[in-house]
C-alpha atoms as a PDB file:
ATOM      1  CA  MET A   1      36.091  -1.237  50.004  1.00  0.00           C
ATOM      2  CA  ASP A   2      36.142   2.471  49.802  1.00  0.00           C
ATOM      3  CA  ILE A   3      32.928   4.131  50.149  1.00  0.00           C
ATOM      4  CA  LYS A   4      32.617   4.659  46.007  1.00  0.00           C
ATOM      5  CA  ALA A   5      33.438   0.697  45.798  1.00  0.00           C
ATOM      6  CA  TYR A   6      30.314   0.183  48.349  1.00  0.00           C
ATOM      7  CA  LEU A   7      27.944   2.488  46.450  1.00  0.00           C
ATOM      8  CA  PHE A   8      28.388   1.100  42.952  1.00  0.00           C
ATOM      9  CA  LEU A   9      28.377  -2.076  44.301  1.00  0.00           C
ATOM     10  CA  PHE A  10      25.156  -2.452  46.666  1.00  0.00           C
ATOM     11  CA  VAL A  11      23.719   0.576  45.427  1.00  0.00           C
ATOM     12  CA  LEU A  12      24.315   1.527  41.849  1.00  0.00           C
ATOM     13  CA  VAL A  13      24.100  -1.852  40.695  1.00  0.00           C
ATOM     14  CA  PRO A  14      20.736  -3.188  42.488  1.00  0.00           C
ATOM     15  CA  THR A  15      19.168   0.152  41.387  1.00  0.00           C
ATOM     16  CA  CYS A  16      19.907  -0.089  37.526  1.00  0.00           C
ATOM     17  CA  VAL A  17      19.114  -3.788  37.645  1.00  0.00           C
ATOM     18  CA  PHE A  18      15.648  -2.695  39.141  1.00  0.00           C
ATOM     19  CA  VAL A  19      15.444  -0.396  36.251  1.00  0.00           C
ATOM     20  CA  VAL A  20      16.096  -2.845  33.837  1.00  0.00           C
ATOM     21  CA  TYR A  21      13.178  -5.457  35.172  1.00  0.00           C
ATOM     22  CA  VAL A  22      10.506  -2.804  35.125  1.00  0.00           C
ATOM     23  CA  HIS A  23      10.780  -0.506  32.870  1.00  0.00           C
ATOM     24  CA  GLY A  24      12.958  -2.537  30.253  1.00  0.00           C
ATOM     25  CA  GLN A  25      10.382  -3.048  27.757  1.00  0.00           C
ATOM     26  CA  LYS A  26      10.042   0.837  28.012  1.00  0.00           C
ATOM     27  CA  ILE A  27      13.398   1.505  27.088  1.00  0.00           C
ATOM     28  CA  THR A  28      13.767  -1.238  24.286  1.00  0.00           C
ATOM     29  CA  TYR A  29      10.058   0.328  22.505  1.00  0.00           C
ATOM     30  CA  PHE A  30      11.950   3.384  22.789  1.00  0.00           C
ATOM     31  CA  LEU A  31      15.011   2.680  20.870  1.00  0.00           C
ATOM     32  CA  ARG A  32      13.290   0.907  18.260  1.00  0.00           C
ATOM     33  CA  PRO A  33      14.103   3.289  15.627  1.00  0.00           C
ATOM     34  CA  LEU A  34      17.383   2.741  16.028  1.00  0.00           C
ATOM     35  CA  TRP A  35      16.835  -1.370  15.511  1.00  0.00           C
ATOM     36  CA  GLU A  36      13.824  -1.591  13.201  1.00  0.00           C
ATOM     37  CA  SER A  37      13.117   0.351  10.288  1.00  0.00           C
ATOM     38  CA  PRO A  38       9.684   1.490   9.372  1.00  0.00           C
ATOM     39  CA  PRO A  39       7.494  -0.435   6.924  1.00  0.00           C
ATOM     40  CA  LYS A  40       7.248   0.036   3.539  1.00  0.00           C
ATOM     41  CA  PRO A  41       4.792   2.720   2.623  1.00  0.00           C
ATOM     42  CA  PHE A  42       1.390   1.345   1.478  1.00  0.00           C
ATOM     43  CA  HIS A  43      -0.362   2.701  -1.867  1.00  0.00           C
ATOM     44  CA  GLU A  44      -2.935   4.781  -0.154  1.00  0.00           C
ATOM     45  CA  ARG A  45      -6.450   4.731  -2.377  1.00  0.00           C
ATOM     46  CA  PRO A  46      -8.396   8.396  -1.823  1.00  0.00           C
ATOM     47  CA  HIS A  47     -12.201   6.819  -0.919  1.00  0.00           C
ATOM     48  CA  TYR A  48     -15.664   8.783  -1.671  1.00  0.00           C
ATOM     49  CA  TYR A  49     -18.190   8.488  -0.456  1.00  0.00           C
ATOM     50  CA  HIS A  50     -22.016  10.437   0.008  1.00  0.00           C
ATOM     51  CA  GLU A  51     -25.298   8.523   0.538  1.00  0.00           C
ATOM     52  CA  ASN A  52     -26.780  11.083  -2.357  1.00  0.00           C
ATOM     53  CA  VAL A  53     -24.112   9.911  -4.785  1.00  0.00           C
ATOM     54  CA  SER A  54     -25.071   7.251  -7.082  1.00  0.00           C
ATOM     55  CA  MET A  55     -22.609   3.670  -7.078  1.00  0.00           C
ATOM     56  CA  GLU A  56     -22.064   4.110 -10.802  1.00  0.00           C
ATOM     57  CA  ASN A  57     -19.806   8.015  -9.980  1.00  0.00           C
ATOM     58  CA  LEU A  58     -18.655   7.140  -6.896  1.00  0.00           C
ATOM     59  CA  CYS A  59     -16.636   3.609  -8.723  1.00  0.00           C
ATOM     60  CA  LYS A  60     -15.738   6.962 -10.904  1.00  0.00           C
ATOM     61  CA  LEU A  61     -14.189   8.507  -8.792  1.00  0.00           C
ATOM     62  CA  HIS A  62     -12.285   5.567  -7.375  1.00  0.00           C
ATOM     63  CA  GLY A  63     -11.334   4.697 -11.404  1.00  0.00           C
ATOM     64  CA  TRP A  64     -12.916   1.925 -11.174  1.00  0.00           C
ATOM     65  CA  GLY A  65     -16.036   1.042 -13.874  1.00  0.00           C
ATOM     66  CA  ILE A  66     -19.267  -0.795 -12.270  1.00  0.00           C
ATOM     67  CA  ARG A  67     -20.243  -4.091 -12.989  1.00  0.00           C
ATOM     68  CA  GLU A  68     -23.651  -5.614 -13.798  1.00  0.00           C
ATOM     69  CA  SER A  69     -24.416  -7.358 -10.757  1.00  0.00           C
ATOM     70  CA  PRO A  70     -22.643  -6.783  -7.197  1.00  0.00           C
ATOM     71  CA  ARG A  71     -20.271  -9.866  -6.276  1.00  0.00           C
ATOM     72  CA  ARG A  72     -21.148 -11.888  -3.341  1.00  0.00           C
ATOM     73  CA  VAL A  73     -19.747 -10.764  -0.246  1.00  0.00           C
ATOM     74  CA  PHE A  74     -18.029 -13.327   2.850  1.00  0.00           C
ATOM     75  CA  ASP A  75     -17.155 -12.300   5.882  1.00  0.00           C
ATOM     76  CA  ALA A  76     -14.945 -14.876   7.800  1.00  0.00           C
ATOM     77  CA  VAL A  77     -14.037 -14.363  11.842  1.00  0.00           C
ATOM     78  CA  LEU A  78     -12.666 -16.752  14.017  1.00  0.00           C
ATOM     79  CA  PHE A  79     -14.430 -15.375  17.798  1.00  0.00           C
ATOM     80  CA  SER A  80     -13.448 -15.490  21.228  1.00  0.00           C
ATOM     81  CA  ASN A  81     -15.968 -13.752  23.160  1.00  0.00           C
ATOM     82  CA  GLU A  82     -16.679 -10.526  21.857  1.00  0.00           C
ATOM     83  CA  VAL A  83     -20.195 -10.887  21.835  1.00  0.00           C
ATOM     84  CA  ASP A  84     -20.621  -6.886  21.708  1.00  0.00           C
ATOM     85  CA  ILE A  85     -18.697  -5.996  19.341  1.00  0.00           C
ATOM     86  CA  LEU A  86     -19.925  -9.553  16.944  1.00  0.00           C
ATOM     87  CA  LYS A  87     -23.456  -8.574  16.814  1.00  0.00           C
ATOM     88  CA  ILE A  88     -22.438  -4.200  16.087  1.00  0.00           C
ATOM     89  CA  ARG A  89     -20.377  -5.784  13.181  1.00  0.00           C
ATOM     90  CA  TRP A  90     -22.720  -7.756  11.689  1.00  0.00           C
ATOM     91  CA  LYS A  91     -26.149  -5.090  12.131  1.00  0.00           C
ATOM     92  CA  GLU A  92     -23.406  -2.657  10.035  1.00  0.00           C
ATOM     93  CA  LEU A  93     -22.931  -5.464   7.399  1.00  0.00           C
ATOM     94  CA  TYR A  94     -26.236  -7.403   6.847  1.00  0.00           C
ATOM     95  CA  PRO A  95     -27.686  -4.977   4.019  1.00  0.00           C
ATOM     96  CA  TYR A  96     -24.109  -6.704   1.835  1.00  0.00           C
ATOM     97  CA  VAL A  97     -23.053  -9.824   3.084  1.00  0.00           C
ATOM     98  CA  THR A  98     -23.921 -13.042   1.576  1.00  0.00           C
ATOM     99  CA  GLU A  99     -22.751 -15.212   3.792  1.00  0.00           C
ATOM    100  CA  PHE A 100     -21.077 -14.996   7.465  1.00  0.00           C
ATOM    101  CA  VAL A 101     -18.507 -17.342   8.342  1.00  0.00           C
ATOM    102  CA  LEU A 102     -17.250 -17.899  11.873  1.00  0.00           C
ATOM    103  CA  LEU A 103     -15.125 -20.547  13.643  1.00  0.00           C
ATOM    104  CA  GLU A 104     -15.051 -20.890  17.464  1.00  0.00           C
ATOM    105  CA  SER A 105     -12.690 -22.913  19.071  1.00  0.00           C
ATOM    106  CA  ASN A 106     -12.715 -24.162  23.045  1.00  0.00           C
ATOM    107  CA  SER A 107      -9.192 -22.871  23.004  1.00  0.00           C
ATOM    108  CA  THR A 108      -7.645 -18.902  23.168  1.00  0.00           C
ATOM    109  CA  PHE A 109      -4.199 -18.354  20.808  1.00  0.00           C
ATOM    110  CA  THR A 110      -2.261 -19.553  24.163  1.00  0.00           C
ATOM    111  CA  GLY A 111      -3.489 -22.348  25.139  1.00  0.00           C
ATOM    112  CA  LEU A 112      -5.834 -21.761  28.110  1.00  0.00           C
ATOM    113  CA  PRO A 113      -9.444 -23.764  27.727  1.00  0.00           C
ATOM    114  CA  LYS A 114     -12.405 -21.850  27.270  1.00  0.00           C
ATOM    115  CA  PRO A 115     -16.234 -22.692  26.604  1.00  0.00           C
ATOM    116  CA  TYR A 116     -17.711 -22.455  22.715  1.00  0.00           C
ATOM    117  CA  VAL A 117     -18.972 -18.659  24.017  1.00  0.00           C
ATOM    118  CA  PHE A 118     -20.766 -18.691  20.510  1.00  0.00           C
ATOM    119  CA  SER A 119     -23.028 -21.402  21.052  1.00  0.00           C
ATOM    120  CA  SER A 120     -24.129 -20.151  24.564  1.00  0.00           C
ATOM    121  CA  VAL A 121     -25.315 -17.313  22.915  1.00  0.00           C
ATOM    122  CA  ARG A 122     -26.895 -18.437  18.976  1.00  0.00           C
ATOM    123  CA  ASP A 123     -30.356 -17.141  19.977  1.00  0.00           C
ATOM    124  CA  GLN A 124     -28.922 -13.446  20.024  1.00  0.00           C
ATOM    125  CA  PHE A 125     -28.088 -13.725  16.321  1.00  0.00           C
ATOM    126  CA  GLN A 126     -31.185 -14.909  14.625  1.00  0.00           C
ATOM    127  CA  PHE A 127     -30.915 -12.506  11.809  1.00  0.00           C
ATOM    128  CA  VAL A 128     -28.302 -13.662  10.774  1.00  0.00           C
ATOM    129  CA  GLU A 129     -29.192 -17.320  11.056  1.00  0.00           C
ATOM    130  CA  PRO A 130     -29.791 -18.194   7.245  1.00  0.00           C
ATOM    131  CA  ARG A 131     -26.553 -16.836   6.380  1.00  0.00           C
ATOM    132  CA  LEU A 132     -24.661 -18.238   8.580  1.00  0.00           C
ATOM    133  CA  THR A 133     -21.778 -21.247   8.804  1.00  0.00           C
ATOM    134  CA  TYR A 134     -20.899 -21.779  11.767  1.00  0.00           C
ATOM    135  CA  GLY A 135     -17.535 -24.175  12.845  1.00  0.00           C
ATOM    136  CA  GLN A 136     -15.494 -25.143  15.661  1.00  0.00           C
ATOM    137  CA  VAL A 137     -11.998 -26.455  15.894  1.00  0.00           C
ATOM    138  CA  PRO A 138     -10.564 -28.231  19.102  1.00  0.00           C
ATOM    139  CA  GLY A 139      -8.048 -26.537  20.800  1.00  0.00           C
ATOM    140  CA  ARG A 140      -4.363 -28.463  20.991  1.00  0.00           C
ATOM    141  CA  PHE A 141      -3.606 -27.440  24.241  1.00  0.00           C
ATOM    142  CA  LYS A 142       0.664 -27.826  24.226  1.00  0.00           C
ATOM    143  CA  LYS A 143       2.062 -26.298  26.538  1.00  0.00           C
ATOM    144  CA  GLY A 144       4.878 -23.494  25.832  1.00  0.00           C
ATOM    145  CA  GLU A 145       3.650 -23.415  22.281  1.00  0.00           C
ATOM    146  CA  ASN A 146       4.467 -20.026  20.816  1.00  0.00           C
ATOM    147  CA  PRO A 147       0.946 -18.597  20.579  1.00  0.00           C
ATOM    148  CA  PHE A 148       1.319 -17.496  17.306  1.00  0.00           C
ATOM    149  CA  VAL A 149       1.156 -21.216  16.180  1.00  0.00           C
ATOM    150  CA  GLU A 150      -1.738 -21.777  17.490  1.00  0.00           C
ATOM    151  CA  GLU A 151      -3.052 -18.709  15.782  1.00  0.00           C
ATOM    152  CA  ALA A 152      -2.207 -20.195  12.625  1.00  0.00           C
ATOM    153  CA  TYR A 153      -4.130 -23.039  13.258  1.00  0.00           C
ATOM    154  CA  GLN A 154      -7.068 -21.630  13.421  1.00  0.00           C
ATOM    155  CA  ARG A 155      -7.277 -19.871  10.862  1.00  0.00           C
ATOM    156  CA  LEU A 156      -6.467 -22.514   8.322  1.00  0.00           C
ATOM    157  CA  ALA A 157      -8.944 -24.316   9.926  1.00  0.00           C
ATOM    158  CA  LEU A 158     -11.299 -21.067   8.707  1.00  0.00           C
ATOM    159  CA  ASP A 159     -10.086 -21.704   4.649  1.00  0.00           C
ATOM    160  CA  TYR A 160     -11.778 -25.246   5.377  1.00  0.00           C
ATOM    161  CA  LEU A 161     -15.074 -23.445   6.980  1.00  0.00           C
ATOM    162  CA  LEU A 162     -15.220 -20.854   4.010  1.00  0.00           C
ATOM    163  CA  LYS A 163     -15.250 -23.240   1.254  1.00  0.00           C
ATOM    164  CA  GLN A 164     -18.362 -25.342   3.264  1.00  0.00           C
ATOM    165  CA  ALA A 165     -19.935 -21.984   3.405  1.00  0.00           C
ATOM    166  CA  GLY A 166     -19.769 -22.710  -0.418  1.00  0.00           C
ATOM    167  CA  ILE A 167     -17.411 -19.489  -1.551  1.00  0.00           C
ATOM    168  CA  GLN A 168     -16.431 -19.321  -5.051  1.00  0.00           C
ATOM    169  CA  ASP A 169     -13.751 -17.708  -7.442  1.00  0.00           C
ATOM    170  CA  ASP A 170     -14.605 -13.536  -8.314  1.00  0.00           C
ATOM    171  CA  ASP A 171     -16.485 -13.499  -4.404  1.00  0.00           C
ATOM    172  CA  LEU A 172     -15.467 -11.040  -2.117  1.00  0.00           C
ATOM    173  CA  LEU A 173     -14.182 -12.055   1.338  1.00  0.00           C
ATOM    174  CA  LEU A 174     -13.406 -10.008   4.105  1.00  0.00           C
ATOM    175  CA  MET A 175     -10.786 -10.956   6.594  1.00  0.00           C
ATOM    176  CA  SER A 176     -10.563  -9.187   9.449  1.00  0.00           C
ATOM    177  CA  ASP A 177     -11.170  -9.676  13.297  1.00  0.00           C
ATOM    178  CA  VAL A 178     -14.147  -9.203  14.792  1.00  0.00           C
ATOM    179  CA  ASP A 179     -13.230  -5.707  16.337  1.00  0.00           C
ATOM    180  CA  GLU A 180     -12.070  -4.465  12.867  1.00  0.00           C
ATOM    181  CA  ILE A 181     -15.084  -3.277  11.214  1.00  0.00           C
ATOM    182  CA  PRO A 182     -15.496  -2.149   7.542  1.00  0.00           C
ATOM    183  CA  SER A 183     -18.226   0.474   7.004  1.00  0.00           C
ATOM    184  CA  ARG A 184     -21.328  -0.704   5.073  1.00  0.00           C
ATOM    185  CA  HIS A 185     -20.811   1.253   2.405  1.00  0.00           C
ATOM    186  CA  THR A 186     -17.005   0.524   1.944  1.00  0.00           C
ATOM    187  CA  ILE A 187     -18.242  -3.064   1.300  1.00  0.00           C
ATOM    188  CA  ASN A 188     -21.081  -2.232  -0.887  1.00  0.00           C
ATOM    189  CA  LEU A 189     -19.541  -0.077  -2.917  1.00  0.00           C
ATOM    190  CA  LEU A 190     -16.281  -2.634  -3.046  1.00  0.00           C
ATOM    191  CA  ARG A 191     -18.859  -5.629  -4.189  1.00  0.00           C
ATOM    192  CA  TRP A 192     -20.363  -2.634  -7.213  1.00  0.00           C
ATOM    193  CA  CYS A 193     -16.883  -1.539  -8.345  1.00  0.00           C
ATOM    194  CA  ASP A 194     -15.353  -4.068 -11.576  1.00  0.00           C
ATOM    195  CA  GLU A 195     -11.663  -3.744 -11.749  1.00  0.00           C
ATOM    196  CA  ILE A 196     -10.628  -3.456  -7.633  1.00  0.00           C
ATOM    197  CA  PRO A 197      -7.799  -4.739  -7.089  1.00  0.00           C
ATOM    198  CA  PRO A 198      -7.207  -8.313  -6.513  1.00  0.00           C
ATOM    199  CA  ILE A 199      -5.979  -7.601  -2.213  1.00  0.00           C
ATOM    200  CA  LEU A 200      -7.035  -4.072  -0.987  1.00  0.00           C
ATOM    201  CA  HIS A 201      -5.806  -3.491   2.887  1.00  0.00           C
ATOM    202  CA  LEU A 202      -8.592  -1.373   4.868  1.00  0.00           C
ATOM    203  CA  ARG A 203      -7.502   1.362   6.876  1.00  0.00           C
ATOM    204  CA  LEU A 204      -9.682   1.487   9.623  1.00  0.00           C
ATOM    205  CA  LYS A 205      -9.716   4.462  12.503  1.00  0.00           C
ATOM    206  CA  ASN A 206      -7.994   2.992  15.499  1.00  0.00           C
ATOM    207  CA  TYR A 207     -10.236   3.348  19.005  1.00  0.00           C
ATOM    208  CA  LEU A 208      -9.186   1.728  22.163  1.00  0.00           C
ATOM    209  CA  TYR A 209     -11.338   0.377  24.717  1.00  0.00           C
ATOM    210  CA  SER A 210     -14.080   2.862  23.707  1.00  0.00           C
ATOM    211  CA  PHE A 211     -15.507   5.338  20.696  1.00  0.00           C
ATOM    212  CA  GLU A 212     -14.386   8.098  23.579  1.00  0.00           C
ATOM    213  CA  PHE A 213     -10.616   7.645  22.696  1.00  0.00           C
ATOM    214  CA  LEU A 214      -9.501   7.406  19.213  1.00  0.00           C
ATOM    215  CA  LEU A 215      -5.632   6.301  19.102  1.00  0.00           C
ATOM    216  CA  ASP A 216      -5.437   7.003  15.518  1.00  0.00           C
ATOM    217  CA  ASP A 217      -6.332   5.922  11.910  1.00  0.00           C
ATOM    218  CA  SER A 218      -3.500   3.128  11.492  1.00  0.00           C
ATOM    219  CA  SER A 219      -5.567  -0.080  11.853  1.00  0.00           C
ATOM    220  CA  TRP A 220      -4.537  -1.651   8.333  1.00  0.00           C
ATOM    221  CA  ARG A 221      -4.583  -5.459   8.683  1.00  0.00           C
ATOM    222  CA  ALA A 222      -8.476  -5.424   7.647  1.00  0.00           C
ATOM    223  CA  SER A 223      -8.861  -6.826   3.884  1.00  0.00           C
ATOM    224  CA  VAL A 224     -10.629  -7.742   1.158  1.00  0.00           C
ATOM    225  CA  HIS A 225     -10.265  -9.997  -1.421  1.00  0.00           C
ATOM    226  CA  VAL A 226     -11.159 -11.036  -4.507  1.00  0.00           C
ATOM    227  CA  TYR A 227     -11.612 -14.921  -3.977  1.00  0.00           C
ATOM    228  CA  GLN A 228      -9.383 -16.893  -5.999  1.00  0.00           C
ATOM    229  CA  SER A 229      -9.427 -21.239  -5.050  1.00  0.00           C
ATOM    230  CA  GLY A 230      -5.958 -22.142  -4.319  1.00  0.00           C
ATOM    231  CA  LYS A 231      -4.514 -18.828  -3.938  1.00  0.00           C
ATOM    232  CA  THR A 232      -7.046 -17.253  -1.080  1.00  0.00           C
ATOM    233  CA  SER A 233      -5.564 -18.266   2.297  1.00  0.00           C
ATOM    234  CA  TYR A 234      -7.331 -16.513   5.417  1.00  0.00           C
ATOM    235  CA  ALA A 235      -4.505 -14.198   7.257  1.00  0.00           C
ATOM    236  CA  HIS A 236      -3.838 -11.203   9.654  1.00  0.00           C
ATOM    237  CA  TYR A 237      -0.916  -9.856   8.119  1.00  0.00           C
ATOM    238  CA  ARG A 238      -0.142  -7.413   5.123  1.00  0.00           C
ATOM    239  CA  GLN A 239      -0.529  -9.334   1.613  1.00  0.00           C
ATOM    240  CA  SER A 240      -0.942  -6.109  -0.557  1.00  0.00           C
ATOM    241  CA  ASP A 241       0.227  -2.523  -0.634  1.00  0.00           C
ATOM    242  CA  GLU A 242      -2.898  -1.507  -1.591  1.00  0.00           C
ATOM    243  CA  ILE A 243      -5.354   0.213   1.022  1.00  0.00           C
ATOM    244  CA  LEU A 244      -8.184   2.226   0.921  1.00  0.00           C
ATOM    245  CA  ALA A 245      -8.438   5.295   3.034  1.00  0.00           C
ATOM    246  CA  ASP A 246     -11.314   5.531   6.095  1.00  0.00           C
ATOM    247  CA  ALA A 247     -13.183   2.344   5.714  1.00  0.00           C
ATOM    248  CA  GLY A 248     -14.276   1.243   9.487  1.00  0.00           C
ATOM    249  CA  TRP A 249     -13.369   1.228  12.583  1.00  0.00           C
ATOM    250  CA  HIS A 250     -10.414  -1.100  14.621  1.00  0.00           C
ATOM    251  CA  CYS A 251     -12.284  -1.027  18.311  1.00  0.00           C
ATOM    252  CA  SER A 252      -9.660  -3.106  20.606  1.00  0.00           C
ATOM    253  CA  PHE A 253     -10.505  -4.021  24.272  1.00  0.00           C
ATOM    254  CA  CYS A 254     -14.108  -2.741  23.928  1.00  0.00           C
ATOM    255  CA  PHE A 255     -15.522  -4.762  26.363  1.00  0.00           C
ATOM    256  CA  ARG A 256     -18.366  -4.739  28.808  1.00  0.00           C
ATOM    257  CA  HIS A 257     -17.448  -6.493  31.992  1.00  0.00           C
ATOM    258  CA  ILE A 258     -13.565  -5.612  32.961  1.00  0.00           C
ATOM    259  CA  SER A 259     -13.399  -9.648  33.466  1.00  0.00           C
ATOM    260  CA  GLU A 260     -13.202  -9.589  29.763  1.00  0.00           C
ATOM    261  CA  PHE A 261     -10.145  -7.174  30.232  1.00  0.00           C
ATOM    262  CA  ARG A 262      -8.371  -9.494  31.756  1.00  0.00           C
ATOM    263  CA  PHE A 263      -9.160 -12.966  29.885  1.00  0.00           C
ATOM    264  CA  LYS A 264      -7.800 -10.940  26.459  1.00  0.00           C
ATOM    265  CA  MET A 265      -5.244 -10.049  27.909  1.00  0.00           C
ATOM    266  CA  LYS A 266      -3.885 -14.051  29.413  1.00  0.00           C
ATOM    267  CA  ALA A 267      -5.784 -15.450  26.128  1.00  0.00           C
ATOM    268  CA  TYR A 268      -4.769 -13.518  22.856  1.00  0.00           C
ATOM    269  CA  SER A 269      -1.185 -13.755  21.213  1.00  0.00           C
ATOM    270  CA  HIS A 270       0.867 -10.796  22.967  1.00  0.00           C
ATOM    271  CA  VAL A 271       0.381 -12.982  26.267  1.00  0.00           C
ATOM    272  CA  ASP A 272       4.027 -11.602  26.582  1.00  0.00           C
ATOM    273  CA  ARG A 273       3.179  -7.981  27.652  1.00  0.00           C
ATOM    274  CA  VAL A 274       1.459  -8.992  31.321  1.00  0.00           C
ATOM    275  CA  ARG A 275       4.559  -8.659  32.702  1.00  0.00           C
ATOM    276  CA  PHE A 276       3.474  -8.297  36.456  1.00  0.00           C
ATOM    277  CA  SER A 277       0.471  -9.989  38.029  1.00  0.00           C
ATOM    278  CA  HIS A 278      -0.810  -6.489  39.482  1.00  0.00           C
ATOM    279  CA  PHE A 279      -1.504  -5.320  35.726  1.00  0.00           C
ATOM    280  CA  LEU A 280      -4.799  -7.434  35.568  1.00  0.00           C
ATOM    281  CA  ASN A 281      -5.567  -5.856  39.269  1.00  0.00           C
ATOM    282  CA  PRO A 282      -9.697  -5.043  38.569  1.00  0.00           C
ATOM    283  CA  LYS A 283      -9.187  -1.629  40.020  1.00  0.00           C
ATOM    284  CA  ARG A 284      -6.204  -0.629  37.883  1.00  0.00           C
ATOM    285  CA  LEU A 285      -8.533  -1.681  34.791  1.00  0.00           C
ATOM    286  CA  GLN A 286     -10.784   0.174  35.824  1.00  0.00           C
ATOM    287  CA  ARG A 287      -8.455   3.415  35.968  1.00  0.00           C
ATOM    288  CA  VAL A 288      -6.776   3.182  33.134  1.00  0.00           C
ATOM    289  CA  ILE A 289      -9.587   2.458  31.205  1.00  0.00           C
ATOM    290  CA  CYS A 290     -11.067   6.198  32.068  1.00  0.00           C
ATOM    291  CA  LYS A 291      -8.030   7.538  31.741  1.00  0.00           C
ATOM    292  CA  GLY A 292      -7.220   6.284  28.266  1.00  0.00           C
ATOM    293  CA  ALA A 293      -3.848   5.014  29.325  1.00  0.00           C
ATOM    294  CA  ASP A 294      -1.804   1.572  28.395  1.00  0.00           C
ATOM    295  CA  LEU A 295      -3.104  -1.779  30.133  1.00  0.00           C
ATOM    296  CA  PHE A 296       0.404  -3.005  29.729  1.00  0.00           C
ATOM    297  CA  ASP A 297       1.900   0.252  30.853  1.00  0.00           C
ATOM    298  CA  MET A 298       4.142  -0.146  27.191  1.00  0.00           C
ATOM    299  CA  LEU A 299       5.460   2.954  25.245  1.00  0.00           C
ATOM    300  CA  PRO A 300       3.712   3.370  21.676  1.00  0.00           C
ATOM    301  CA  GLU A 301       5.071   0.933  18.940  1.00  0.00           C
ATOM    302  CA  GLU A 302       6.460   3.397  16.246  1.00  0.00           C
ATOM    303  CA  HIS A 303       9.242   3.424  14.145  1.00  0.00           C
ATOM    304  CA  THR A 304      10.267   7.214  14.769  1.00  0.00           C
ATOM    305  CA  PHE A 305      11.240   9.178  18.022  1.00  0.00           C
ATOM    306  CA  LYS A 306       9.014  11.737  16.650  1.00  0.00           C
ATOM    307  CA  GLU A 307       6.229   9.086  16.408  1.00  0.00           C
ATOM    308  CA  ILE A 308       6.711   7.902  20.049  1.00  0.00           C
ATOM    309  CA  ILE A 309       7.115  11.090  21.695  1.00  0.00           C
ATOM    310  CA  GLY A 310       3.822  12.386  19.948  1.00  0.00           C
ATOM    311  CA  LYS A 311       1.572   9.284  21.401  1.00  0.00           C
ATOM    312  CA  MET A 312       3.385   8.638  24.449  1.00  0.00           C
ATOM    313  CA  GLY A 313       0.945   8.892  27.482  1.00  0.00           C
ATOM    314  CA  PRO A 314      -2.641   8.746  27.886  1.00  0.00           C
ATOM    315  CA  ILE A 315      -5.072   9.373  24.342  1.00  0.00           C
ATOM    316  CA  PRO A 316      -6.845  12.030  24.614  1.00  0.00           C
ATOM    317  CA  HIS A 317     -10.712  11.788  24.861  1.00  0.00           C
ATOM    318  CA  SER A 318     -13.048  12.100  21.989  1.00  0.00           C
ATOM    319  CA  TYR A 319     -16.504  13.439  22.194  1.00  0.00           C
ATOM    320  CA  SER A 320     -17.620  12.798  18.461  1.00  0.00           C
ATOM    321  CA  ALA A 321     -20.637  10.374  17.637  1.00  0.00           C
ATOM    322  CA  VAL A 322     -20.458  10.995  14.441  1.00  0.00           C
ATOM    323  CA  HIS A 323     -20.277   8.315  11.811  1.00  0.00           C
ATOM    324  CA  LEU A 324     -19.783   5.429  13.888  1.00  0.00           C
ATOM    325  CA  PRO A 325     -21.398   1.906  13.581  1.00  0.00           C
ATOM    326  CA  ALA A 326     -25.405   2.690  13.189  1.00  0.00           C
ATOM    327  CA  TYR A 327     -26.962   0.135  15.375  1.00  0.00           C
ATOM    328  CA  LEU A 328     -24.406   1.373  17.642  1.00  0.00           C
ATOM    329  CA  LEU A 329     -25.847   4.393  17.939  1.00  0.00           C
ATOM    330  CA  GLU A 330     -29.609   2.626  17.606  1.00  0.00           C
ATOM    331  CA  LYS A 331     -29.259   0.407  20.443  1.00  0.00           C
ATOM    332  CA  ALA A 332     -27.386   3.533  22.537  1.00  0.00           C
ATOM    333  CA  ASP A 333     -28.625   2.615  26.066  1.00  0.00           C
ATOM    334  CA  THR A 334     -27.244  -1.178  25.564  1.00  0.00           C
ATOM    335  CA  TYR A 335     -23.975  -0.209  24.513  1.00  0.00           C
ATOM    336  CA  LYS A 336     -23.523   2.932  26.781  1.00  0.00           C
ATOM    337  CA  TYR A 337     -20.300   2.291  28.034  1.00  0.00           C
ATOM    338  CA  LEU A 338     -18.949   2.045  24.258  1.00  0.00           C
ATOM    339  CA  LEU A 339     -20.022   6.181  23.799  1.00  0.00           C
ATOM    340  CA  PRO A 340     -18.055   8.828  24.952  1.00  0.00           C
ATOM    341  CA  GLY A 341     -18.141   9.844  28.134  1.00  0.00           C
ATOM    342  CA  ASN A 342     -19.259   5.984  29.733  1.00  0.00           C
ATOM    343  CA  CYS A 343     -15.744   4.568  30.793  1.00  0.00           C
ATOM    344  CA  MET A 344     -17.299   2.652  34.223  1.00  0.00           C
ATOM    345  CA  ARG A 345     -17.084  -0.961  33.242  1.00  0.00           C
ATOM    346  CA  GLU A 346     -19.221  -3.856  34.853  1.00  0.00           C
ATOM    347  CA  ASN A 347     -17.281  -5.626  37.672  1.00  0.00           C
ATOM    348  CA  ASP A 348     -18.495  -9.315  38.003  1.00  0.00           C
END
């Protein structure tokens, strides 16, 4: 065997295999524009708000009429372990929500057993107790099953819990994950305005780890529905082409403890992104959080090379704490880790 053949067989081939093994996912994501077309654009609806403008004028600015009385509002979420974000969410929405509906399972989407966390911290949420419908659903614990099957099962159970909570036609139903928080003035607008779209997605500012790392404003899965019996079902995918701009905040992986990061990385539907065990190393996680880098060492999930290249690397630091949830700022000492300049997490 000559030297060129030797180098090809024993050096170049193993090197290529190693590179594909370690960076294959990055290569796939970078080439995404070649194999997946961008989604259909939303119909963007401008969002008008100022505290000194009357509700009648705000509705008019949006092209809607005003009702004689506001609709009832139901806020329904699946809960895992996001205690801090849940309290910030419910404090933000409290003035305008008729019924808070929370469903909890003793299983993660990936089939891992978990305790009923909310039961153990329920005393912290006495302020919503008169308006709270809480339910539990046992996990199915089927090994090897696609996590999205368990997720769909839990969302279906949430439909039944909503009926127990007394939701009726023409009520407003807010569908979003715990960490997708609509602003209270958005919900007040939609409950007072007439002729709003029957399904309206909410465009949220997209934060990662805390309100220090503003990724973009492309979070769209949260939605508000004018409830219709037999037609409205709880889901977390695109259900309409209509979207309202600047309607709140999505704070993903916004946890106080390193252990919570590790838990979610193993528990949620995209567990396949934990490709190597060192991804869960506490020291690595702390470095990634403070840097604003990606927990899974992935490239941005975009559909054009321009967007992918533009978002490569760590997220720039933001030093603005303007227009954030009110309770977050009122209790800044308690939630300091969510504010700019405080990236260190508790390691328990």
